[in-house]
PDB file of N, CA and C in Angstrom:
ATOM      1  N   MET A   1     111.524 145.626 262.628  1.00  0.00           N
ATOM      2  CA  MET A   1     110.780 145.102 261.484  1.00  0.00           C
ATOM      3  C   MET A   1     111.324 145.771 260.224  1.00  0.00           C
ATOM      4  N   SER A   2     111.603 144.951 259.235  1.00  0.00           N
ATOM      5  CA  SER A   2     112.144 145.491 257.991  1.00  0.00           C
ATOM      6  C   SER A   2     111.059 146.240 257.218  1.00  0.00           C
ATOM      7  N   LYS A   3     111.519 147.122 256.353  1.00  0.00           N
ATOM      8  CA  LYS A   3     110.582 147.894 255.535  1.00  0.00           C
ATOM      9  C   LYS A   3     109.744 146.969 254.657  1.00  0.00           C
ATOM     10  N   ARG A   4     110.368 145.919 254.096  1.00  0.00           N
ATOM     11  CA  ARG A   4     109.660 144.952 253.261  1.00  0.00           C
ATOM     12  C   ARG A   4     108.537 144.273 254.037  1.00  0.00           C
ATOM     13  N   ASN A   5     108.844 143.826 255.250  1.00  0.00           N
ATOM     14  CA  ASN A   5     107.832 143.153 256.074  1.00  0.00           C
ATOM     15  C   ASN A   5     106.693 144.099 256.450  1.00  0.00           C
ATOM     16  N   LYS A   6     107.036 145.352 256.711  1.00  0.00           N
ATOM     17  CA  LYS A   6     106.017 146.344 257.054  1.00  0.00           C
ATOM     18  C   LYS A   6     105.076 146.573 255.867  1.00  0.00           C
ATOM     19  N   ILE A   7     105.644 146.636 254.674  1.00  0.00           N
ATOM     20  CA  ILE A   7     104.831 146.825 253.461  1.00  0.00           C
ATOM     21  C   ILE A   7     103.923 145.615 253.245  1.00  0.00           C
ATOM     22  N   ILE A   8     104.487 144.414 253.371  1.00  0.00           N
ATOM     23  CA  ILE A   8     103.681 143.192 253.221  1.00  0.00           C
ATOM     24  C   ILE A   8     102.549 143.191 254.236  1.00  0.00           C
ATOM     25  N   TYR A   9     102.874 143.520 255.487  1.00  0.00           N
ATOM     26  CA  TYR A   9     101.861 143.537 256.544  1.00  0.00           C
ATOM     27  C   TYR A   9     100.720 144.489 256.207  1.00  0.00           C
ATOM     28  N   TRP A  10     101.054 145.733 255.853  1.00  0.00           N
ATOM     29  CA  TRP A  10     100.001 146.721 255.633  1.00  0.00           C
ATOM     30  C   TRP A  10      99.183 146.445 254.377  1.00  0.00           C
ATOM     31  N   ILE A  11      99.810 145.948 253.330  1.00  0.00           N
ATOM     32  CA  ILE A  11      99.044 145.605 252.122  1.00  0.00           C
ATOM     33  C   ILE A  11      98.086 144.457 252.440  1.00  0.00           C
ATOM     34  N   ALA A  12      98.601 143.402 253.064  1.00  0.00           N
ATOM     35  CA  ALA A  12      97.754 142.250 253.410  1.00  0.00           C
ATOM     36  C   ALA A  12      96.651 142.653 254.383  1.00  0.00           C
ATOM     37  N   THR A  13      96.985 143.452 255.377  1.00  0.00           N
ATOM     38  CA  THR A  13      96.015 143.838 256.402  1.00  0.00           C
ATOM     39  C   THR A  13      94.922 144.732 255.836  1.00  0.00           C
ATOM     40  N   LEU A  14      95.302 145.679 255.002  1.00  0.00           N
ATOM     41  CA  LEU A  14      94.290 146.562 254.425  1.00  0.00           C
ATOM     42  C   LEU A  14      93.376 145.816 253.456  1.00  0.00           C
ATOM     43  N   TRP A  15      93.944 144.908 252.648  1.00  0.00           N
ATOM     44  CA  TRP A  15      93.104 144.098 251.749  1.00  0.00           C
ATOM     45  C   TRP A  15      92.209 143.156 252.550  1.00  0.00           C
ATOM     46  N   LEU A  16      92.744 142.586 253.630  1.00  0.00           N
ATOM     47  CA  LEU A  16      91.947 141.730 254.510  1.00  0.00           C
ATOM     48  C   LEU A  16      90.798 142.534 255.110  1.00  0.00           C
ATOM     49  N   ALA A  17      91.108 143.724 255.613  1.00  0.00           N
ATOM     50  CA  ALA A  17      90.073 144.570 256.211  1.00  0.00           C
ATOM     51  C   ALA A  17      89.003 144.927 255.181  1.00  0.00           C
ATOM     52  N   LEU A  18      89.421 145.289 253.994  1.00  0.00           N
ATOM     53  CA  LEU A  18      88.475 145.617 252.925  1.00  0.00           C
ATOM     54  C   LEU A  18      87.595 144.413 252.597  1.00  0.00           C
ATOM     55  N   GLY A  19      88.204 143.246 252.472  1.00  0.00           N
ATOM     56  CA  GLY A  19      87.443 142.034 252.169  1.00  0.00           C
ATOM     57  C   GLY A  19      86.467 141.661 253.256  1.00  0.00           C
ATOM     58  N   MET A  20      86.894 141.774 254.503  1.00  0.00           N
ATOM     59  CA  MET A  20      86.014 141.416 255.620  1.00  0.00           C
ATOM     60  C   MET A  20      84.883 142.433 255.784  1.00  0.00           C
ATOM     61  N   VAL A  21      85.187 143.710 255.621  1.00  0.00           N
ATOM     62  CA  VAL A  21      84.135 144.726 255.737  1.00  0.00           C
ATOM     63  C   VAL A  21      83.123 144.578 254.602  1.00  0.00           C
ATOM     64  N   SER A  22      83.613 144.392 253.375  1.00  0.00           N
ATOM     65  CA  SER A  22      82.678 144.293 252.250  1.00  0.00           C
ATOM     66  C   SER A  22      81.797 143.051 252.360  1.00  0.00           C
ATOM     67  N   THR A  23      82.376 141.913 252.744  1.00  0.00           N
ATOM     68  CA  THR A  23      81.539 140.720 252.911  1.00  0.00           C
ATOM     69  C   THR A  23      80.651 140.845 254.142  1.00  0.00           C
ATOM     70  N   GLY A  24      81.149 141.526 255.167  1.00  0.00           N
ATOM     71  CA  GLY A  24      80.331 141.754 256.354  1.00  0.00           C
ATOM     72  C   GLY A  24      79.102 142.601 256.056  1.00  0.00           C
ATOM     73  N   ILE A  25      79.264 143.613 255.225  1.00  0.00           N
ATOM     74  CA  ILE A  25      78.133 144.461 254.832  1.00  0.00           C
ATOM     75  C   ILE A  25      77.078 143.631 254.106  1.00  0.00           C
ATOM     76  N   VAL A  26      77.547 142.830 253.148  1.00  0.00           N
ATOM     77  CA  VAL A  26      76.641 141.972 252.368  1.00  0.00           C
ATOM     78  C   VAL A  26      75.898 141.009 253.304  1.00  0.00           C
ATOM     79  N   GLN A  27      76.594 140.523 254.328  1.00  0.00           N
ATOM     80  CA  GLN A  27      75.980 139.574 255.246  1.00  0.00           C
ATOM     81  C   GLN A  27      75.008 140.249 256.209  1.00  0.00           C
ATOM     82  N   VAL A  28      75.396 141.359 256.780  1.00  0.00           N
ATOM     83  CA  VAL A  28      74.510 142.049 257.725  1.00  0.00           C
ATOM     84  C   VAL A  28      73.226 142.510 257.045  1.00  0.00           C
ATOM     85  N   PHE A  29      73.339 142.986 255.810  1.00  0.00           N
ATOM     86  CA  PHE A  29      72.151 143.443 255.086  1.00  0.00           C
ATOM     87  C   PHE A  29      71.435 142.313 254.346  1.00  0.00           C
ATOM     88  N   LYS A  30      71.930 141.096 254.529  1.00  0.00           N
ATOM     89  CA  LYS A  30      71.307 139.887 253.975  1.00  0.00           C
ATOM     90  C   LYS A  30      70.949 140.043 252.494  1.00  0.00           C
ATOM     91  N   VAL A  31      71.961 140.410 251.724  1.00  0.00           N
ATOM     92  CA  VAL A  31      71.794 140.518 250.274  1.00  0.00           C
ATOM     93  C   VAL A  31      71.343 139.154 249.754  1.00  0.00           C
ATOM     94  N   ALA A  32      70.411 139.160 248.806  1.00  0.00           N
ATOM     95  CA  ALA A  32      69.763 137.935 248.331  1.00  0.00           C
ATOM     96  C   ALA A  32      70.755 136.860 247.924  1.00  0.00           C
ATOM     97  N   GLN A  33      71.786 137.215 247.167  1.00  0.00           N
ATOM     98  CA  GLN A  33      72.750 136.213 246.712  1.00  0.00           C
ATOM     99  C   GLN A  33      73.479 135.576 247.903  1.00  0.00           C
ATOM    100  N   GLU A  34      73.818 136.370 248.878  1.00  0.00           N
ATOM    101  CA  GLU A  34      74.504 135.850 250.067  1.00  0.00           C
ATOM    102  C   GLU A  34      73.584 134.942 250.869  1.00  0.00           C
ATOM    103  N   LYS A  35      72.319 135.325 250.953  1.00  0.00           N
ATOM    104  CA  LYS A  35      71.321 134.492 251.635  1.00  0.00           C
ATOM    105  C   LYS A  35      71.176 133.142 250.931  1.00  0.00           C
ATOM    106  N   ASP A  36      71.174 133.186 249.604  1.00  0.00           N
ATOM    107  CA  ASP A  36      71.096 131.949 248.819  1.00  0.00           C
ATOM    108  C   ASP A  36      72.311 131.057 249.062  1.00  0.00           C
ATOM    109  N   TYR A  37      73.511 131.671 249.144  1.00  0.00           N
ATOM    110  CA  TYR A  37      74.717 130.903 249.444  1.00  0.00           C
ATOM    111  C   TYR A  37      74.581 130.180 250.782  1.00  0.00           C
ATOM    112  N   MET A  38      74.122 130.900 251.798  1.00  0.00           N
ATOM    113  CA  MET A  38      73.994 130.303 253.132  1.00  0.00           C
ATOM    114  C   MET A  38      72.995 129.157 253.126  1.00  0.00           C
ATOM    115  N   THR A  39      71.890 129.350 252.425  1.00  0.00           N
ATOM    116  CA  THR A  39      70.879 128.291 252.325  1.00  0.00           C
ATOM    117  C   THR A  39      71.465 127.078 251.620  1.00  0.00           C
ATOM    118  N   GLN A  40      72.183 127.319 250.524  1.00  0.00           N
ATOM    119  CA  GLN A  40      72.807 126.242 249.765  1.00  0.00           C
ATOM    120  C   GLN A  40      73.823 125.482 250.625  1.00  0.00           C
ATOM    121  N   LEU A  41      74.514 126.206 251.494  1.00  0.00           N
ATOM    122  CA  LEU A  41      75.506 125.574 252.358  1.00  0.00           C
ATOM    123  C   LEU A  41      74.872 124.875 253.559  1.00  0.00           C
ATOM    124  N   GLY A  42      73.574 125.102 253.772  1.00  0.00           N
ATOM    125  CA  GLY A  42      72.864 124.431 254.851  1.00  0.00           C
ATOM    126  C   GLY A  42      72.833 125.196 256.163  1.00  0.00           C
ATOM    127  N   TYR A  43      73.122 126.504 256.110  1.00  0.00           N
ATOM    128  CA  TYR A  43      73.128 127.317 257.326  1.00  0.00           C
ATOM    129  C   TYR A  43      71.893 128.206 257.377  1.00  0.00           C
ATOM    130  N   PRO A  44      71.410 128.510 258.589  1.00  0.00           N
ATOM    131  CA  PRO A  44      70.266 129.421 258.702  1.00  0.00           C
ATOM    132  C   PRO A  44      70.690 130.852 258.342  1.00  0.00           C
ATOM    133  N   SER A  45      69.758 131.639 257.870  1.00  0.00           N
ATOM    134  CA  SER A  45      70.087 132.999 257.413  1.00  0.00           C
ATOM    135  C   SER A  45      70.527 133.921 258.548  1.00  0.00           C
ATOM    136  N   TYR A  46      70.147 133.604 259.778  1.00  0.00           N
ATOM    137  CA  TYR A  46      70.578 134.486 260.875  1.00  0.00           C
ATOM    138  C   TYR A  46      72.099 134.405 261.110  1.00  0.00           C
ATOM    139  N   PHE A  47      72.749 133.367 260.588  1.00  0.00           N
ATOM    140  CA  PHE A  47      74.212 133.287 260.662  1.00  0.00           C
ATOM    141  C   PHE A  47      74.854 134.467 259.947  1.00  0.00           C
ATOM    142  N   LEU A  48      74.197 134.968 258.907  1.00  0.00           N
ATOM    143  CA  LEU A  48      74.741 136.104 258.165  1.00  0.00           C
ATOM    144  C   LEU A  48      74.970 137.299 259.081  1.00  0.00           C
ATOM    145  N   THR A  49      73.980 137.595 259.913  1.00  0.00           N
ATOM    146  CA  THR A  49      74.104 138.732 260.829  1.00  0.00           C
ATOM    147  C   THR A  49      75.225 138.507 261.832  1.00  0.00           C
ATOM    148  N   ILE A  50      75.263 137.325 262.401  1.00  0.00           N
ATOM    149  CA  ILE A  50      76.294 137.013 263.404  1.00  0.00           C
ATOM    150  C   ILE A  50      77.681 137.130 262.794  1.00  0.00           C
ATOM    151  N   ILE A  51      77.895 136.470 261.659  1.00  0.00           N
ATOM    152  CA  ILE A  51      79.213 136.482 261.029  1.00  0.00           C
ATOM    153  C   ILE A  51      79.580 137.886 260.560  1.00  0.00           C
ATOM    154  N   GLY A  52      78.625 138.607 259.989  1.00  0.00           N
ATOM    155  CA  GLY A  52      78.893 139.962 259.519  1.00  0.00           C
ATOM    156  C   GLY A  52      79.325 140.894 260.641  1.00  0.00           C
ATOM    157  N   ILE A  53      78.630 140.848 261.752  1.00  0.00           N
ATOM    158  CA  ILE A  53      78.988 141.710 262.900  1.00  0.00           C
ATOM    159  C   ILE A  53      80.359 141.331 263.445  1.00  0.00           C
ATOM    160  N   TRP A  54      80.635 140.035 263.561  1.00  0.00           N
ATOM    161  CA  TRP A  54      81.948 139.613 264.055  1.00  0.00           C
ATOM    162  C   TRP A  54      83.062 140.021 263.098  1.00  0.00           C
ATOM    163  N   LYS A  55      82.778 140.041 261.803  1.00  0.00           N
ATOM    164  CA  LYS A  55      83.791 140.506 260.852  1.00  0.00           C
ATOM    165  C   LYS A  55      84.116 141.980 261.081  1.00  0.00           C
ATOM    166  N   PHE A  56      83.089 142.807 261.287  1.00  0.00           N
ATOM    167  CA  PHE A  56      83.324 144.226 261.570  1.00  0.00           C
ATOM    168  C   PHE A  56      84.178 144.400 262.821  1.00  0.00           C
ATOM    169  N   LEU A  57      83.822 143.690 263.876  1.00  0.00           N
ATOM    170  CA  LEU A  57      84.567 143.794 265.129  1.00  0.00           C
ATOM    171  C   LEU A  57      86.001 143.295 264.966  1.00  0.00           C
ATOM    172  N   GLY A  58      86.179 142.241 264.177  1.00  0.00           N
ATOM    173  CA  GLY A  58      87.523 141.726 263.921  1.00  0.00           C
ATOM    174  C   GLY A  58      88.391 142.721 263.174  1.00  0.00           C
ATOM    175  N   VAL A  59      87.804 143.391 262.202  1.00  0.00           N
ATOM    176  CA  VAL A  59      88.545 144.405 261.448  1.00  0.00           C
ATOM    177  C   VAL A  59      88.977 145.543 262.372  1.00  0.00           C
ATOM    178  N   ILE A  60      88.078 145.983 263.223  1.00  0.00           N
ATOM    179  CA  ILE A  60      88.429 147.037 264.180  1.00  0.00           C
ATOM    180  C   ILE A  60      89.593 146.577 265.054  1.00  0.00           C
ATOM    181  N   ALA A  61      89.512 145.330 265.519  1.00  0.00           N
ATOM    182  CA  ALA A  61      90.558 144.795 266.403  1.00  0.00           C
ATOM    183  C   ALA A  61      91.918 144.732 265.719  1.00  0.00           C
ATOM    184  N   ILE A  62      91.961 144.299 264.463  1.00  0.00           N
ATOM    185  CA  ILE A  62      93.281 144.177 263.830  1.00  0.00           C
ATOM    186  C   ILE A  62      93.854 145.524 263.383  1.00  0.00           C
ATOM    187  N   LEU A  63      92.988 146.506 263.167  1.00  0.00           N
ATOM    188  CA  LEU A  63      93.485 147.810 262.720  1.00  0.00           C
ATOM    189  C   LEU A  63      93.899 148.730 263.867  1.00  0.00           C
ATOM    190  N   LEU A  64      93.240 148.611 265.004  1.00  0.00           N
ATOM    191  CA  LEU A  64      93.588 149.471 266.136  1.00  0.00           C
ATOM    192  C   LEU A  64      94.936 149.068 266.727  1.00  0.00           C
ATOM    193  N   PRO A  65      95.719 150.058 267.152  1.00  0.00           N
ATOM    194  CA  PRO A  65      96.973 149.703 267.824  1.00  0.00           C
ATOM    195  C   PRO A  65      96.679 149.111 269.206  1.00  0.00           C
ATOM    196  N   LYS A  66      97.652 148.396 269.715  1.00  0.00           N
ATOM    197  CA  LYS A  66      97.578 147.761 271.047  1.00  0.00           C
ATOM    198  C   LYS A  66      96.589 146.600 271.055  1.00  0.00           C
ATOM    199  N   PHE A  67      96.159 146.180 272.196  1.00  0.00           N
ATOM    200  CA  PHE A  67      95.211 145.070 272.395  1.00  0.00           C
ATOM    201  C   PHE A  67      95.637 143.788 271.676  1.00  0.00           C
ATOM    202  N   PRO A  68      96.879 143.315 271.895  1.00  0.00           N
ATOM    203  CA  PRO A  68      97.351 142.136 271.161  1.00  0.00           C
ATOM    204  C   PRO A  68      96.530 140.864 271.424  1.00  0.00           C
ATOM    205  N   VAL A  69      95.985 140.718 272.603  1.00  0.00           N
ATOM    206  CA  VAL A  69      95.170 139.527 272.880  1.00  0.00           C
ATOM    207  C   VAL A  69      93.890 139.557 272.048  1.00  0.00           C
ATOM    208  N   VAL A  70      93.285 140.710 271.937  1.00  0.00           N
ATOM    209  CA  VAL A  70      92.073 140.850 271.130  1.00  0.00           C
ATOM    210  C   VAL A  70      92.400 140.587 269.656  1.00  0.00           C
ATOM    211  N   LYS A  71      93.566 141.046 269.213  1.00  0.00           N
ATOM    212  CA  LYS A  71      93.997 140.792 267.834  1.00  0.00           C
ATOM    213  C   LYS A  71      94.133 139.289 267.579  1.00  0.00           C
ATOM    214  N   GLU A  72      94.703 138.563 268.537  1.00  0.00           N
ATOM    215  CA  GLU A  72      94.838 137.107 268.393  1.00  0.00           C
ATOM    216  C   GLU A  72      93.462 136.467 268.189  1.00  0.00           C
ATOM    217  N   TRP A  73      92.491 136.907 268.963  1.00  0.00           N
ATOM    218  CA  TRP A  73      91.132 136.373 268.833  1.00  0.00           C
ATOM    219  C   TRP A  73      90.539 136.733 267.477  1.00  0.00           C
ATOM    220  N   ALA A  74      90.789 137.938 267.018  1.00  0.00           N
ATOM    221  CA  ALA A  74      90.263 138.362 265.718  1.00  0.00           C
ATOM    222  C   ALA A  74      90.870 137.529 264.590  1.00  0.00           C
ATOM    223  N   TYR A  75      92.171 137.352 264.633  1.00  0.00           N
ATOM    224  CA  TYR A  75      92.819 136.521 263.611  1.00  0.00           C
ATOM    225  C   TYR A  75      92.295 135.080 263.670  1.00  0.00           C
ATOM    226  N   ALA A  76      92.124 134.562 264.885  1.00  0.00           N
ATOM    227  CA  ALA A  76      91.589 133.201 265.031  1.00  0.00           C
ATOM    228  C   ALA A  76      90.180 133.127 264.447  1.00  0.00           C
ATOM    229  N   GLY A  77      89.364 134.131 264.728  1.00  0.00           N
ATOM    230  CA  GLY A  77      88.003 134.165 264.192  1.00  0.00           C
ATOM    231  C   GLY A  77      87.996 134.200 262.674  1.00  0.00           C
ATOM    232  N   PHE A  78      88.874 135.013 262.085  1.00  0.00           N
ATOM    233  CA  PHE A  78      88.970 135.068 260.623  1.00  0.00           C
ATOM    234  C   PHE A  78      89.414 133.707 260.069  1.00  0.00           C
ATOM    235  N   PHE A  79      90.396 133.087 260.746  1.00  0.00           N
ATOM    236  CA  PHE A  79      90.883 131.779 260.312  1.00  0.00           C
ATOM    237  C   PHE A  79      89.760 130.737 260.349  1.00  0.00           C
ATOM    238  N   PHE A  80      89.039 130.675 261.453  1.00  0.00           N
ATOM    239  CA  PHE A  80      87.964 129.682 261.585  1.00  0.00           C
ATOM    240  C   PHE A  80      86.827 129.955 260.601  1.00  0.00           C
ATOM    241  N   THR A  81      86.481 131.214 260.420  1.00  0.00           N
ATOM    242  CA  THR A  81      85.408 131.565 259.493  1.00  0.00           C
ATOM    243  C   THR A  81      85.774 131.188 258.065  1.00  0.00           C
ATOM    244  N   MET A  82      86.992 131.513 257.649  1.00  0.00           N
ATOM    245  CA  MET A  82      87.393 131.233 256.264  1.00  0.00           C
ATOM    246  C   MET A  82      87.616 129.742 256.022  1.00  0.00           C
ATOM    247  N   THR A  83      88.230 129.036 256.972  1.00  0.00           N
ATOM    248  CA  THR A  83      88.389 127.593 256.771  1.00  0.00           C
ATOM    249  C   THR A  83      87.025 126.913 256.787  1.00  0.00           C
ATOM    250  N   GLY A  84      86.115 127.398 257.624  1.00  0.00           N
ATOM    251  CA  GLY A  84      84.756 126.857 257.630  1.00  0.00           C
ATOM    252  C   GLY A  84      84.046 127.098 256.313  1.00  0.00           C
ATOM    253  N   ALA A  85      84.241 128.274 255.736  1.00  0.00           N
ATOM    254  CA  ALA A  85      83.627 128.586 254.442  1.00  0.00           C
ATOM    255  C   ALA A  85      84.207 127.695 253.349  1.00  0.00           C
ATOM    256  N   ILE A  86      85.527 127.518 253.360  1.00  0.00           N
ATOM    257  CA  ILE A  86      86.172 126.673 252.341  1.00  0.00           C
ATOM    258  C   ILE A  86      85.641 125.246 252.439  1.00  0.00           C
ATOM    259  N   ILE A  87      85.634 124.699 253.636  1.00  0.00           N
ATOM    260  CA  ILE A  87      85.169 123.323 253.830  1.00  0.00           C
ATOM    261  C   ILE A  87      83.698 123.199 253.450  1.00  0.00           C
ATOM    262  N   SER A  88      82.880 124.164 253.839  1.00  0.00           N
ATOM    263  CA  SER A  88      81.454 124.124 253.510  1.00  0.00           C
ATOM    264  C   SER A  88      81.235 124.104 252.006  1.00  0.00           C
ATOM    265  N   HIS A  89      81.962 124.949 251.286  1.00  0.00           N
ATOM    266  CA  HIS A  89      81.829 124.984 249.823  1.00  0.00           C
ATOM    267  C   HIS A  89      82.285 123.670 249.192  1.00  0.00           C
ATOM    268  N   ILE A  90      83.360 123.110 249.703  1.00  0.00           N
ATOM    269  CA  ILE A  90      83.855 121.832 249.174  1.00  0.00           C
ATOM    270  C   ILE A  90      82.836 120.722 249.409  1.00  0.00           C
ATOM    271  N   VAL A  91      82.271 120.679 250.626  1.00  0.00           N
ATOM    272  CA  VAL A  91      81.321 119.622 250.984  1.00  0.00           C
ATOM    273  C   VAL A  91      80.081 119.627 250.078  1.00  0.00           C
ATOM    274  N   VAL A  92      79.595 120.815 249.715  1.00  0.00           N
ATOM    275  CA  VAL A  92      78.398 120.864 248.865  1.00  0.00           C
ATOM    276  C   VAL A  92      78.745 120.784 247.374  1.00  0.00           C
ATOM    277  N   GLY A  93      80.027 120.660 247.056  1.00  0.00           N
ATOM    278  CA  GLY A  93      80.430 120.469 245.670  1.00  0.00           C
ATOM    279  C   GLY A  93      80.582 121.737 244.855  1.00  0.00           C
ATOM    280  N   ASP A  94      80.755 122.880 245.513  1.00  0.00           N
ATOM    281  CA  ASP A  94      80.955 124.131 244.779  1.00  0.00           C
ATOM    282  C   ASP A  94      82.300 124.120 244.063  1.00  0.00           C
ATOM    283  N   GLY A  95      82.381 124.892 242.998  1.00  0.00           N
ATOM    284  CA  GLY A  95      83.614 125.000 242.221  1.00  0.00           C
ATOM    285  C   GLY A  95      84.546 126.055 242.804  1.00  0.00           C
ATOM    286  N   MET A  96      85.717 126.181 242.171  1.00  0.00           N
ATOM    287  CA  MET A  96      86.722 127.136 242.635  1.00  0.00           C
ATOM    288  C   MET A  96      86.232 128.576 242.617  1.00  0.00           C
ATOM    289  N   GLY A  97      85.316 128.894 241.725  1.00  0.00           N
ATOM    290  CA  GLY A  97      84.785 130.257 241.682  1.00  0.00           C
ATOM    291  C   GLY A  97      84.100 130.651 242.980  1.00  0.00           C
ATOM    292  N   ASP A  98      83.485 129.689 243.633  1.00  0.00           N
ATOM    293  CA  ASP A  98      82.822 129.952 244.914  1.00  0.00           C
ATOM    294  C   ASP A  98      83.779 129.830 246.093  1.00  0.00           C
ATOM    295  N   ILE A  99      84.798 128.999 245.937  1.00  0.00           N
ATOM    296  CA  ILE A  99      85.735 128.745 247.036  1.00  0.00           C
ATOM    297  C   ILE A  99      86.841 129.797 247.096  1.00  0.00           C
ATOM    298  N   PHE A 100      87.242 130.311 245.949  1.00  0.00           N
ATOM    299  CA  PHE A 100      88.402 131.205 245.880  1.00  0.00           C
ATOM    300  C   PHE A 100      88.327 132.427 246.798  1.00  0.00           C
ATOM    301  N   PRO A 101      87.199 133.132 246.905  1.00  0.00           N
ATOM    302  CA  PRO A 101      87.191 134.302 247.797  1.00  0.00           C
ATOM    303  C   PRO A 101      87.574 133.953 249.241  1.00  0.00           C
ATOM    304  N   ALA A 102      87.105 132.820 249.726  1.00  0.00           N
ATOM    305  CA  ALA A 102      87.462 132.413 251.086  1.00  0.00           C
ATOM    306  C   ALA A 102      88.943 132.039 251.181  1.00  0.00           C
ATOM    307  N   ILE A 103      89.480 131.408 250.131  1.00  0.00           N
ATOM    308  CA  ILE A 103      90.908 131.073 250.111  1.00  0.00           C
ATOM    309  C   ILE A 103      91.743 132.353 250.124  1.00  0.00           C
ATOM    310  N   LEU A 104      91.328 133.338 249.343  1.00  0.00           N
ATOM    311  CA  LEU A 104      92.042 134.611 249.301  1.00  0.00           C
ATOM    312  C   LEU A 104      92.023 135.294 250.670  1.00  0.00           C
ATOM    313  N   LEU A 105      90.864 135.345 251.306  1.00  0.00           N
ATOM    314  CA  LEU A 105      90.780 135.972 252.625  1.00  0.00           C
ATOM    315  C   LEU A 105      91.575 135.185 253.665  1.00  0.00           C
ATOM    316  N   LEU A 106      91.613 133.871 253.539  1.00  0.00           N
ATOM    317  CA  LEU A 106      92.430 133.053 254.439  1.00  0.00           C
ATOM    318  C   LEU A 106      93.915 133.360 254.237  1.00  0.00           C
ATOM    319  N   ALA A 107      94.346 133.472 252.985  1.00  0.00           N
ATOM    320  CA  ALA A 107      95.745 133.803 252.693  1.00  0.00           C
ATOM    321  C   ALA A 107      96.102 135.193 253.230  1.00  0.00           C
ATOM    322  N   LEU A 108      95.208 136.152 253.057  1.00  0.00           N
ATOM    323  CA  LEU A 108      95.450 137.504 253.585  1.00  0.00           C
ATOM    324  C   LEU A 108      95.501 137.500 255.114  1.00  0.00           C
ATOM    325  N   THR A 109      94.664 136.678 255.736  1.00  0.00           N
ATOM    326  CA  THR A 109      94.693 136.535 257.199  1.00  0.00           C
ATOM    327  C   THR A 109      96.063 136.026 257.635  1.00  0.00           C
ATOM    328  N   ALA A 110      96.556 134.980 256.969  1.00  0.00           N
ATOM    329  CA  ALA A 110      97.859 134.405 257.316  1.00  0.00           C
ATOM    330  C   ALA A 110      98.986 135.410 257.096  1.00  0.00           C
ATOM    331  N   LEU A 111      98.976 136.104 255.968  1.00  0.00           N
ATOM    332  CA  LEU A 111     100.023 137.097 255.692  1.00  0.00           C
ATOM    333  C   LEU A 111     100.009 138.212 256.734  1.00  0.00           C
ATOM    334  N   SER A 112      98.834 138.737 257.022  1.00  0.00           N
ATOM    335  CA  SER A 112      98.716 139.807 258.004  1.00  0.00           C
ATOM    336  C   SER A 112      99.201 139.335 259.375  1.00  0.00           C
ATOM    337  N   TYR A 113      98.826 138.126 259.745  1.00  0.00           N
ATOM    338  CA  TYR A 113      99.197 137.578 261.053  1.00  0.00           C
ATOM    339  C   TYR A 113     100.708 137.384 261.159  1.00  0.00           C
ATOM    340  N   PHE A 114     101.302 136.760 260.163  1.00  0.00           N
ATOM    341  CA  PHE A 114     102.716 136.433 260.252  1.00  0.00           C
ATOM    342  C   PHE A 114     103.641 137.629 260.053  1.00  0.00           C
ATOM    343  N   PHE A 115     103.185 138.661 259.390  1.00  0.00           N
ATOM    344  CA  PHE A 115     104.022 139.832 259.150  1.00  0.00           C
ATOM    345  C   PHE A 115     103.688 141.008 260.065  1.00  0.00           C
ATOM    346  N   ARG A 116     102.819 140.801 261.043  1.00  0.00           N
ATOM    347  CA  ARG A 116     102.441 141.921 261.916  1.00  0.00           C
ATOM    348  C   ARG A 116     103.627 142.368 262.762  1.00  0.00           C
ATOM    349  N   PRO A 117     103.661 143.663 263.083  1.00  0.00           N
ATOM    350  CA  PRO A 117     104.765 144.202 263.878  1.00  0.00           C
ATOM    351  C   PRO A 117     104.794 143.610 265.294  1.00  0.00           C
ATOM    352  N   THR A 118     105.942 143.656 265.902  1.00  0.00           N
ATOM    353  CA  THR A 118     106.131 143.104 267.241  1.00  0.00           C
ATOM    354  C   THR A 118     105.166 143.702 268.254  1.00  0.00           C
ATOM    355  N   ASP A 119     104.876 145.008 268.138  1.00  0.00           N
ATOM    356  CA  ASP A 119     103.986 145.636 269.113  1.00  0.00           C
ATOM    357  C   ASP A 119     102.522 145.208 268.932  1.00  0.00           C
ATOM    358  N   ARG A 120     102.239 144.422 267.921  1.00  0.00           N
ATOM    359  CA  ARG A 120     100.892 143.909 267.704  1.00  0.00           C
ATOM    360  C   ARG A 120     100.808 142.413 268.033  1.00  0.00           C
ATOM    361  N   LYS A 121     101.849 141.902 268.695  1.00  0.00           N
ATOM    362  CA  LYS A 121     101.897 140.495 269.084  1.00  0.00           C
ATOM    363  C   LYS A 121     101.807 140.364 270.595  1.00  0.00           C
ATOM    364  N   ILE A 122     101.306 139.235 271.036  1.00  0.00           N
ATOM    365  CA  ILE A 122     101.203 138.971 272.474  1.00  0.00           C
ATOM    366  C   ILE A 122     102.571 138.970 273.129  1.00  0.00           C
ATOM    367  N   ASN A 123     103.580 138.446 272.475  1.00  0.00           N
ATOM    368  CA  ASN A 123     104.926 138.357 273.039  1.00  0.00           C
ATOM    369  C   ASN A 123     105.438 139.719 273.503  1.00  0.00           C
ATOM    370  N   SER A 124     105.023 140.778 272.852  1.00  0.00           N
ATOM    371  CA  SER A 124     105.529 142.108 273.184  1.00  0.00           C
ATOM    372  C   SER A 124     105.033 142.596 274.540  1.00  0.00           C
ATOM    373  N   ILE A 125     103.990 141.977 275.067  1.00  0.00           N
ATOM    374  CA  ILE A 125     103.484 142.366 276.391  1.00  0.00           C
ATOM    375  C   ILE A 125     104.523 142.049 277.451  1.00  0.00           C
ATOM    376  N   HIS A 126     105.195 140.910 277.309  1.00  0.00           N
ATOM    377  CA  HIS A 126     106.140 140.458 278.313  1.00  0.00           C
ATOM    378  C   HIS A 126     107.590 140.793 277.969  1.00  0.00           C
ATOM    379  N   ALA A 127     107.810 141.434 276.853  1.00  0.00           N
ATOM    380  CA  ALA A 127     109.187 141.723 276.427  1.00  0.00           C
ATOM    381  C   ALA A 127     109.764 142.912 277.155  1.00  0.00           C
TER     382      ALA A 127
END
């Protein structure tokens, strides 16, 4: 892995982890504004707890070495959560100010996934 790719990976991964942990905290503690967002999007408030806890677990999975299969699931979960958030905001007519955070986290998910080191990929198990 080139030094450039390693730098891209770690910057994207650390920003992704920070974003997921910070939004996860807001969701688990059901901050009023976040609760209002979920209601506006048509989801029950208990989704906040579920999504917040899964975000914490996903961050742990992508930061810990090894466990490439678990990492794949974590990246998939981040992808589905962020694309679901983007689509939900679009469907209810929210503006870019509401959609952008999910787009940013989706972009960071993609960057982290595509630039991850070989030892953090499933292929490395059989190599």
